[in-house]
Amino acid sequence: MTTTTPLTKKQPTFFHATTSMDGHRSLVKIGKIDENVLAHLASIPGAEVKITYTLEVTVPSGIPDNTLRTVNENAKSLKVDTHGFE
């Protein structure tokens, strides 16, 4: 009699997601993603979580000097990895 060993299914080991959001509702959406997606994955023993936050802001009329200074200072004090204006 021949017996066969069932093949074990290899489980996925990596999850990624990208989303766009309105700047006025971003905290609500981030909170929902955190609660409904990230929390489930982060609770797995050994899970390593990396979150990258990207901002893109366009101001057709130009960004005022006082805002440039404030944003630069705040980004530096918050230790934002990269930031800049064009």
PDB file of N, CA and C in Angstrom:
ATOM      1  N   MET A   1       0.844  -1.175   0.000  1.00  0.00           N
ATOM      2  CA  MET A   1       0.000   0.000   0.000  1.00  0.00           C
ATOM      3  C   MET A   1       0.891   1.241   0.000  1.00  0.00           C
ATOM      4  N   THR A   2       0.610   2.169  -0.907  1.00  0.00           N
ATOM      5  CA  THR A   2       1.398   3.385  -1.022  1.00  0.00           C
ATOM      6  C   THR A   2       0.669   4.522  -0.311  1.00  0.00           C
ATOM      7  N   THR A   3       1.407   5.248   0.510  1.00  0.00           N
ATOM      8  CA  THR A   3       0.811   6.418   1.163  1.00  0.00           C
ATOM      9  C   THR A   3       1.466   7.670   0.609  1.00  0.00           C
ATOM     10  N   THR A   4       0.692   8.687   0.477  1.00  0.00           N
ATOM     11  CA  THR A   4       1.230   9.957  -0.003  1.00  0.00           C
ATOM     12  C   THR A   4       1.161  10.985   1.113  1.00  0.00           C
ATOM     13  N   THR A   5       2.178  11.780   1.171  1.00  0.00           N
ATOM     14  CA  THR A   5       2.208  12.854   2.150  1.00  0.00           C
ATOM     15  C   THR A   5       1.571  14.087   1.518  1.00  0.00           C
ATOM     16  N   PRO A   6       0.578  14.655   2.161  1.00  0.00           N
ATOM     17  CA  PRO A   6      -0.048  15.855   1.569  1.00  0.00           C
ATOM     18  C   PRO A   6       0.963  17.005   1.512  1.00  0.00           C
ATOM     19  N   LEU A   7       0.910  17.744   0.420  1.00  0.00           N
ATOM     20  CA  LEU A   7       1.784  18.897   0.279  1.00  0.00           C
ATOM     21  C   LEU A   7       1.305  19.994   1.217  1.00  0.00           C
ATOM     22  N   THR A   8       2.227  20.619   1.891  1.00  0.00           N
ATOM     23  CA  THR A   8       1.836  21.710   2.768  1.00  0.00           C
ATOM     24  C   THR A   8       1.851  23.006   1.978  1.00  0.00           C
ATOM     25  N   LYS A   9       0.837  23.790   2.164  1.00  0.00           N
ATOM     26  CA  LYS A   9       0.709  25.064   1.467  1.00  0.00           C
ATOM     27  C   LYS A   9       1.621  26.079   2.143  1.00  0.00           C
ATOM     28  N   LYS A  10       2.438  26.759   1.344  1.00  0.00           N
ATOM     29  CA  LYS A  10       3.312  27.796   1.889  1.00  0.00           C
ATOM     30  C   LYS A  10       2.487  29.059   2.084  1.00  0.00           C
ATOM     31  N   GLN A  11       2.483  29.537   3.303  1.00  0.00           N
ATOM     32  CA  GLN A  11       1.722  30.738   3.626  1.00  0.00           C
ATOM     33  C   GLN A  11       2.473  31.986   3.166  1.00  0.00           C
ATOM     34  N   PRO A  12       1.759  33.023   2.761  1.00  0.00           N
ATOM     35  CA  PRO A  12       2.423  34.279   2.401  1.00  0.00           C
ATOM     36  C   PRO A  12       3.197  34.820   3.605  1.00  0.00           C
ATOM     37  N   THR A  13       4.294  35.515   3.335  1.00  0.00           N
ATOM     38  CA  THR A  13       5.123  36.059   4.412  1.00  0.00           C
ATOM     39  C   THR A  13       5.243  37.583   4.348  1.00  0.00           C
ATOM     40  N   PHE A  14       4.596  38.216   3.378  1.00  0.00           N
ATOM     41  CA  PHE A  14       4.747  39.658   3.202  1.00  0.00           C
ATOM     42  C   PHE A  14       3.423  40.263   2.778  1.00  0.00           C
ATOM     43  N   PHE A  15       3.078  41.404   3.345  1.00  0.00           N
ATOM     44  CA  PHE A  15       1.880  42.152   2.962  1.00  0.00           C
ATOM     45  C   PHE A  15       2.303  43.572   2.637  1.00  0.00           C
ATOM     46  N   HIS A  16       1.706  44.154   1.615  1.00  0.00           N
ATOM     47  CA  HIS A  16       1.958  45.563   1.300  1.00  0.00           C
ATOM     48  C   HIS A  16       0.656  46.207   0.858  1.00  0.00           C
ATOM     49  N   ALA A  17       0.564  47.497   1.042  1.00  0.00           N
ATOM     50  CA  ALA A  17      -0.631  48.237   0.635  1.00  0.00           C
ATOM     51  C   ALA A  17      -0.250  49.683   0.369  1.00  0.00           C
ATOM     52  N   THR A  18      -0.929  50.288  -0.564  1.00  0.00           N
ATOM     53  CA  THR A  18      -0.768  51.706  -0.876  1.00  0.00           C
ATOM     54  C   THR A  18      -2.154  52.285  -1.042  1.00  0.00           C
ATOM     55  N   THR A  19      -2.354  53.481  -0.539  1.00  0.00           N
ATOM     56  CA  THR A  19      -3.639  54.137  -0.709  1.00  0.00           C
ATOM     57  C   THR A  19      -3.440  55.638  -0.830  1.00  0.00           C
ATOM     58  N   SER A  20      -4.347  56.278  -1.491  1.00  0.00           N
ATOM     59  CA  SER A  20      -4.358  57.742  -1.572  1.00  0.00           C
ATOM     60  C   SER A  20      -5.503  58.235  -0.713  1.00  0.00           C
ATOM     61  N   MET A  21      -5.340  59.420  -0.172  1.00  0.00           N
ATOM     62  CA  MET A  21      -6.408  59.942   0.672  1.00  0.00           C
ATOM     63  C   MET A  21      -6.442  61.456   0.623  1.00  0.00           C
ATOM     64  N   ASP A  22      -7.596  61.988   0.905  1.00  0.00           N
ATOM     65  CA  ASP A  22      -7.824  63.416   0.997  1.00  0.00           C
ATOM     66  C   ASP A  22      -7.147  63.909   2.272  1.00  0.00           C
ATOM     67  N   GLY A  23      -6.413  64.978   2.194  1.00  0.00           N
ATOM     68  CA  GLY A  23      -5.703  65.497   3.350  1.00  0.00           C
ATOM     69  C   GLY A  23      -6.599  65.891   4.507  1.00  0.00           C
ATOM     70  N   HIS A  24      -7.846  66.199   4.233  1.00  0.00           N
ATOM     71  CA  HIS A  24      -8.762  66.625   5.291  1.00  0.00           C
ATOM     72  C   HIS A  24      -9.329  65.451   6.073  1.00  0.00           C
ATOM     73  N   ARG A  25      -9.290  64.263   5.516  1.00  0.00           N
ATOM     74  CA  ARG A  25      -9.849  63.085   6.179  1.00  0.00           C
ATOM     75  C   ARG A  25      -8.798  62.022   6.421  1.00  0.00           C
ATOM     76  N   SER A  26      -7.527  62.383   6.288  1.00  0.00           N
ATOM     77  CA  SER A  26      -6.460  61.383   6.353  1.00  0.00           C
ATOM     78  C   SER A  26      -6.375  60.683   7.707  1.00  0.00           C
ATOM     79  N   LEU A  27      -6.564  61.398   8.794  1.00  0.00           N
ATOM     80  CA  LEU A  27      -6.463  60.750  10.109  1.00  0.00           C
ATOM     81  C   LEU A  27      -7.555  59.708  10.303  1.00  0.00           C
ATOM     82  N   VAL A  28      -8.732  59.975   9.775  1.00  0.00           N
ATOM     83  CA  VAL A  28      -9.827  59.004   9.884  1.00  0.00           C
ATOM     84  C   VAL A  28      -9.464  57.740   9.110  1.00  0.00           C
ATOM     85  N   LYS A  29      -8.988  57.904   7.892  1.00  0.00           N
ATOM     86  CA  LYS A  29      -8.651  56.749   7.062  1.00  0.00           C
ATOM     87  C   LYS A  29      -7.459  55.984   7.643  1.00  0.00           C
ATOM     88  N   ILE A  30      -6.443  56.703   8.104  1.00  0.00           N
ATOM     89  CA  ILE A  30      -5.287  56.043   8.710  1.00  0.00           C
ATOM     90  C   ILE A  30      -5.726  55.243   9.929  1.00  0.00           C
ATOM     91  N   GLY A  31      -6.607  55.812  10.720  1.00  0.00           N
ATOM     92  CA  GLY A  31      -7.117  55.108  11.900  1.00  0.00           C
ATOM     93  C   GLY A  31      -7.850  53.839  11.538  1.00  0.00           C
ATOM     94  N   LYS A  32      -8.653  53.895  10.479  1.00  0.00           N
ATOM     95  CA  LYS A  32      -9.397  52.707  10.041  1.00  0.00           C
ATOM     96  C   LYS A  32      -8.459  51.635   9.503  1.00  0.00           C
ATOM     97  N   ILE A  33      -7.439  52.036   8.764  1.00  0.00           N
ATOM     98  CA  ILE A  33      -6.459  51.078   8.252  1.00  0.00           C
ATOM     99  C   ILE A  33      -5.700  50.451   9.421  1.00  0.00           C
ATOM    100  N   ASP A  34      -5.321  51.268  10.383  1.00  0.00           N
ATOM    101  CA  ASP A  34      -4.605  50.777  11.558  1.00  0.00           C
ATOM    102  C   ASP A  34      -5.437  49.757  12.316  1.00  0.00           C
ATOM    103  N   GLU A  35      -6.687  50.073  12.527  1.00  0.00           N
ATOM    104  CA  GLU A  35      -7.575  49.206  13.309  1.00  0.00           C
ATOM    105  C   GLU A  35      -7.980  47.938  12.564  1.00  0.00           C
ATOM    106  N   ASN A  36      -8.235  48.055  11.274  1.00  0.00           N
ATOM    107  CA  ASN A  36      -8.818  46.945  10.525  1.00  0.00           C
ATOM    108  C   ASN A  36      -7.838  46.120   9.710  1.00  0.00           C
ATOM    109  N   VAL A  37      -6.633  46.624   9.516  1.00  0.00           N
ATOM    110  CA  VAL A  37      -5.631  45.885   8.731  1.00  0.00           C
ATOM    111  C   VAL A  37      -4.361  45.674   9.565  1.00  0.00           C
ATOM    112  N   LEU A  38      -3.727  46.761   9.940  1.00  0.00           N
ATOM    113  CA  LEU A  38      -2.447  46.673  10.635  1.00  0.00           C
ATOM    114  C   LEU A  38      -2.541  45.918  11.956  1.00  0.00           C
ATOM    115  N   ALA A  39      -3.564  46.161  12.729  1.00  0.00           N
ATOM    116  CA  ALA A  39      -3.688  45.509  14.036  1.00  0.00           C
ATOM    117  C   ALA A  39      -3.683  43.986  13.915  1.00  0.00           C
ATOM    118  N   HIS A  40      -4.332  43.470  12.883  1.00  0.00           N
ATOM    119  CA  HIS A  40      -4.377  42.016  12.695  1.00  0.00           C
ATOM    120  C   HIS A  40      -2.996  41.459  12.354  1.00  0.00           C
ATOM    121  N   LEU A  41      -2.285  42.159  11.491  1.00  0.00           N
ATOM    122  CA  LEU A  41      -0.963  41.682  11.082  1.00  0.00           C
ATOM    123  C   LEU A  41       0.071  41.885  12.180  1.00  0.00           C
ATOM    124  N   ALA A  42       0.027  43.032  12.858  1.00  0.00           N
ATOM    125  CA  ALA A  42       1.007  43.338  13.894  1.00  0.00           C
ATOM    126  C   ALA A  42       0.867  42.426  15.107  1.00  0.00           C
ATOM    127  N   SER A  43      -0.290  41.813  15.281  1.00  0.00           N
ATOM    128  CA  SER A  43      -0.497  40.935  16.430  1.00  0.00           C
ATOM    129  C   SER A  43       0.105  39.544  16.231  1.00  0.00           C
ATOM    130  N   ILE A  44       0.579  39.252  15.039  1.00  0.00           N
ATOM    131  CA  ILE A  44       1.201  37.952  14.765  1.00  0.00           C
ATOM    132  C   ILE A  44       2.600  37.955  15.381  1.00  0.00           C
ATOM    133  N   PRO A  45       2.900  36.972  16.229  1.00  0.00           N
ATOM    134  CA  PRO A  45       4.232  36.923  16.847  1.00  0.00           C
ATOM    135  C   PRO A  45       5.341  36.948  15.787  1.00  0.00           C
ATOM    136  N   GLY A  46       6.309  37.821  15.988  1.00  0.00           N
ATOM    137  CA  GLY A  46       7.431  37.938  15.067  1.00  0.00           C
ATOM    138  C   GLY A  46       7.202  38.901  13.915  1.00  0.00           C
ATOM    139  N   ALA A  47       6.005  39.462  13.808  1.00  0.00           N
ATOM    140  CA  ALA A  47       5.713  40.387  12.707  1.00  0.00           C
ATOM    141  C   ALA A  47       6.581  41.633  12.832  1.00  0.00           C
ATOM    142  N   GLU A  48       7.132  42.060  11.718  1.00  0.00           N
ATOM    143  CA  GLU A  48       7.921  43.286  11.655  1.00  0.00           C
ATOM    144  C   GLU A  48       7.140  44.287  10.813  1.00  0.00           C
ATOM    145  N   VAL A  49       6.799  45.405  11.401  1.00  0.00           N
ATOM    146  CA  VAL A  49       5.961  46.396  10.728  1.00  0.00           C
ATOM    147  C   VAL A  49       6.798  47.603  10.334  1.00  0.00           C
ATOM    148  N   LYS A  50       6.667  48.036   9.099  1.00  0.00           N
ATOM    149  CA  LYS A  50       7.313  49.249   8.608  1.00  0.00           C
ATOM    150  C   LYS A  50       6.237  50.081   7.928  1.00  0.00           C
ATOM    151  N   ILE A  51       6.113  51.318   8.357  1.00  0.00           N
ATOM    152  CA  ILE A  51       5.120  52.217   7.772  1.00  0.00           C
ATOM    153  C   ILE A  51       5.869  53.395   7.169  1.00  0.00           C
ATOM    154  N   THR A  52       5.553  53.727   5.934  1.00  0.00           N
ATOM    155  CA  THR A  52       6.133  54.882   5.267  1.00  0.00           C
ATOM    156  C   THR A  52       5.003  55.870   4.992  1.00  0.00           C
ATOM    157  N   TYR A  53       5.195  57.092   5.418  1.00  0.00           N
ATOM    158  CA  TYR A  53       4.184  58.127   5.268  1.00  0.00           C
ATOM    159  C   TYR A  53       4.694  59.111   4.227  1.00  0.00           C
ATOM    160  N   THR A  54       3.953  59.300   3.142  1.00  0.00           N
ATOM    161  CA  THR A  54       4.367  60.187   2.071  1.00  0.00           C
ATOM    162  C   THR A  54       3.363  61.323   1.941  1.00  0.00           C
ATOM    163  N   LEU A  55       3.863  62.530   1.919  1.00  0.00           N
ATOM    164  CA  LEU A  55       3.019  63.701   1.701  1.00  0.00           C
ATOM    165  C   LEU A  55       3.387  64.343   0.374  1.00  0.00           C
ATOM    166  N   GLU A  56       2.391  64.749  -0.386  1.00  0.00           N
ATOM    167  CA  GLU A  56       2.595  65.537  -1.592  1.00  0.00           C
ATOM    168  C   GLU A  56       1.563  66.647  -1.551  1.00  0.00           C
ATOM    169  N   VAL A  57       2.020  67.877  -1.473  1.00  0.00           N
ATOM    170  CA  VAL A  57       1.116  69.020  -1.378  1.00  0.00           C
ATOM    171  C   VAL A  57       1.445  69.985  -2.502  1.00  0.00           C
ATOM    172  N   THR A  58       0.448  70.336  -3.285  1.00  0.00           N
ATOM    173  CA  THR A  58       0.607  71.303  -4.361  1.00  0.00           C
ATOM    174  C   THR A  58      -0.188  72.552  -4.015  1.00  0.00           C
ATOM    175  N   VAL A  59       0.470  73.690  -4.079  1.00  0.00           N
ATOM    176  CA  VAL A  59      -0.192  74.973  -3.836  1.00  0.00           C
ATOM    177  C   VAL A  59       0.048  75.827  -5.076  1.00  0.00           C
ATOM    178  N   PRO A  60      -0.914  75.870  -5.999  1.00  0.00           N
ATOM    179  CA  PRO A  60      -0.720  76.574  -7.262  1.00  0.00           C
ATOM    180  C   PRO A  60      -0.294  78.040  -7.111  1.00  0.00           C
ATOM    181  N   SER A  61      -0.734  78.705  -6.067  1.00  0.00           N
ATOM    182  CA  SER A  61      -0.400  80.124  -5.881  1.00  0.00           C
ATOM    183  C   SER A  61       0.953  80.328  -5.207  1.00  0.00           C
ATOM    184  N   GLY A  62       1.577  79.255  -4.759  1.00  0.00           N
ATOM    185  CA  GLY A  62       2.880  79.346  -4.100  1.00  0.00           C
ATOM    186  C   GLY A  62       2.745  79.269  -2.590  1.00  0.00           C
ATOM    187  N   ILE A  63       3.774  78.745  -1.956  1.00  0.00           N
ATOM    188  CA  ILE A  63       3.777  78.582  -0.502  1.00  0.00           C
ATOM    189  C   ILE A  63       4.440  79.815   0.118  1.00  0.00           C
ATOM    190  N   PRO A  64       3.742  80.503   1.024  1.00  0.00           N
ATOM    191  CA  PRO A  64       4.296  81.717   1.638  1.00  0.00           C
ATOM    192  C   PRO A  64       5.573  81.430   2.438  1.00  0.00           C
ATOM    193  N   ASP A  65       6.455  82.441   2.521  1.00  0.00           N
ATOM    194  CA  ASP A  65       7.730  82.296   3.222  1.00  0.00           C
ATOM    195  C   ASP A  65       7.568  81.853   4.674  1.00  0.00           C
ATOM    196  N   ASN A  66       6.594  82.410   5.378  1.00  0.00           N
ATOM    197  CA  ASN A  66       6.427  82.031   6.786  1.00  0.00           C
ATOM    198  C   ASN A  66       6.019  80.563   6.913  1.00  0.00           C
ATOM    199  N   THR A  67       5.250  80.058   5.967  1.00  0.00           N
ATOM    200  CA  THR A  67       4.875  78.643   5.973  1.00  0.00           C
ATOM    201  C   THR A  67       6.077  77.770   5.635  1.00  0.00           C
ATOM    202  N   LEU A  68       6.901  78.232   4.688  1.00  0.00           N
ATOM    203  CA  LEU A  68       8.128  77.501   4.353  1.00  0.00           C
ATOM    204  C   LEU A  68       9.000  77.326   5.593  1.00  0.00           C
ATOM    205  N   ARG A  69       9.226  78.412   6.326  1.00  0.00           N
ATOM    206  CA  ARG A  69      10.055  78.358   7.535  1.00  0.00           C
ATOM    207  C   ARG A  69       9.448  77.432   8.581  1.00  0.00           C
ATOM    208  N   THR A  70       8.150  77.581   8.822  1.00  0.00           N
ATOM    209  CA  THR A  70       7.476  76.776   9.851  1.00  0.00           C
ATOM    210  C   THR A  70       7.529  75.292   9.516  1.00  0.00           C
ATOM    211  N   VAL A  71       7.218  74.956   8.261  1.00  0.00           N
ATOM    212  CA  VAL A  71       7.211  73.546   7.853  1.00  0.00           C
ATOM    213  C   VAL A  71       8.619  72.967   7.913  1.00  0.00           C
ATOM    214  N   ASN A  72       9.613  73.699   7.459  1.00  0.00           N
ATOM    215  CA  ASN A  72      11.000  73.225   7.535  1.00  0.00           C
ATOM    216  C   ASN A  72      11.425  72.979   8.979  1.00  0.00           C
ATOM    217  N   GLU A  73      11.148  73.927   9.859  1.00  0.00           N
ATOM    218  CA  GLU A  73      11.515  73.773  11.268  1.00  0.00           C
ATOM    219  C   GLU A  73      10.790  72.587  11.905  1.00  0.00           C
ATOM    220  N   ASN A  74       9.498  72.460  11.632  1.00  0.00           N
ATOM    221  CA  ASN A  74       8.722  71.356  12.207  1.00  0.00           C
ATOM    222  C   ASN A  74       9.194  70.009  11.681  1.00  0.00           C
ATOM    223  N   ALA A  75       9.476  69.931  10.388  1.00  0.00           N
ATOM    224  CA  ALA A  75       9.946  68.674   9.810  1.00  0.00           C
ATOM    225  C   ALA A  75      11.288  68.268  10.426  1.00  0.00           C
ATOM    226  N   LYS A  76      12.162  69.250  10.627  1.00  0.00           N
ATOM    227  CA  LYS A  76      13.459  68.961  11.257  1.00  0.00           C
ATOM    228  C   LYS A  76      13.281  68.507  12.697  1.00  0.00           C
ATOM    229  N   SER A  77      12.445  69.202  13.464  1.00  0.00           N
ATOM    230  CA  SER A  77      12.274  68.838  14.877  1.00  0.00           C
ATOM    231  C   SER A  77      11.570  67.493  15.033  1.00  0.00           C
ATOM    232  N   LEU A  78      10.737  67.128  14.056  1.00  0.00           N
ATOM    233  CA  LEU A  78      10.065  65.830  14.081  1.00  0.00           C
ATOM    234  C   LEU A  78      10.935  64.719  13.484  1.00  0.00           C
ATOM    235  N   LYS A  79      12.127  65.094  13.034  1.00  0.00           N
ATOM    236  CA  LYS A  79      13.079  64.149  12.449  1.00  0.00           C
ATOM    237  C   LYS A  79      12.505  63.398  11.252  1.00  0.00           C
ATOM    238  N   VAL A  80      11.821  64.163  10.381  1.00  0.00           N
ATOM    239  CA  VAL A  80      11.306  63.606   9.135  1.00  0.00           C
ATOM    240  C   VAL A  80      12.518  63.205   8.285  1.00  0.00           C
ATOM    241  N   ASP A  81      12.494  61.992   7.737  1.00  0.00           N
ATOM    242  CA  ASP A  81      13.661  61.487   6.985  1.00  0.00           C
ATOM    243  C   ASP A  81      14.045  62.405   5.834  1.00  0.00           C
ATOM    244  N   THR A  82      13.112  62.736   4.994  1.00  0.00           N
ATOM    245  CA  THR A  82      13.391  63.630   3.874  1.00  0.00           C
ATOM    246  C   THR A  82      12.229  64.599   3.720  1.00  0.00           C
ATOM    247  N   HIS A  83      12.551  65.807   3.337  1.00  0.00           N
ATOM    248  CA  HIS A  83      11.522  66.800   3.017  1.00  0.00           C
ATOM    249  C   HIS A  83      12.150  67.886   2.161  1.00  0.00           C
ATOM    250  N   GLY A  84      11.313  68.594   1.461  1.00  0.00           N
ATOM    251  CA  GLY A  84      11.840  69.677   0.628  1.00  0.00           C
ATOM    252  C   GLY A  84      10.722  70.363  -0.148  1.00  0.00           C
ATOM    253  N   PHE A  85      11.080  71.466  -0.754  1.00  0.00           N
ATOM    254  CA  PHE A  85      10.146  72.255  -1.556  1.00  0.00           C
ATOM    255  C   PHE A  85      10.692  72.390  -2.963  1.00  0.00           C
ATOM    256  N   GLU A  86       9.809  72.501  -3.927  1.00  0.00           N
ATOM    257  CA  GLU A  86      10.211  72.737  -5.336  1.00  0.00           C
ATOM    258  C   GLU A  86       9.414  73.898  -5.862  1.00  0.00           C
TER     259      GLU A  86
END
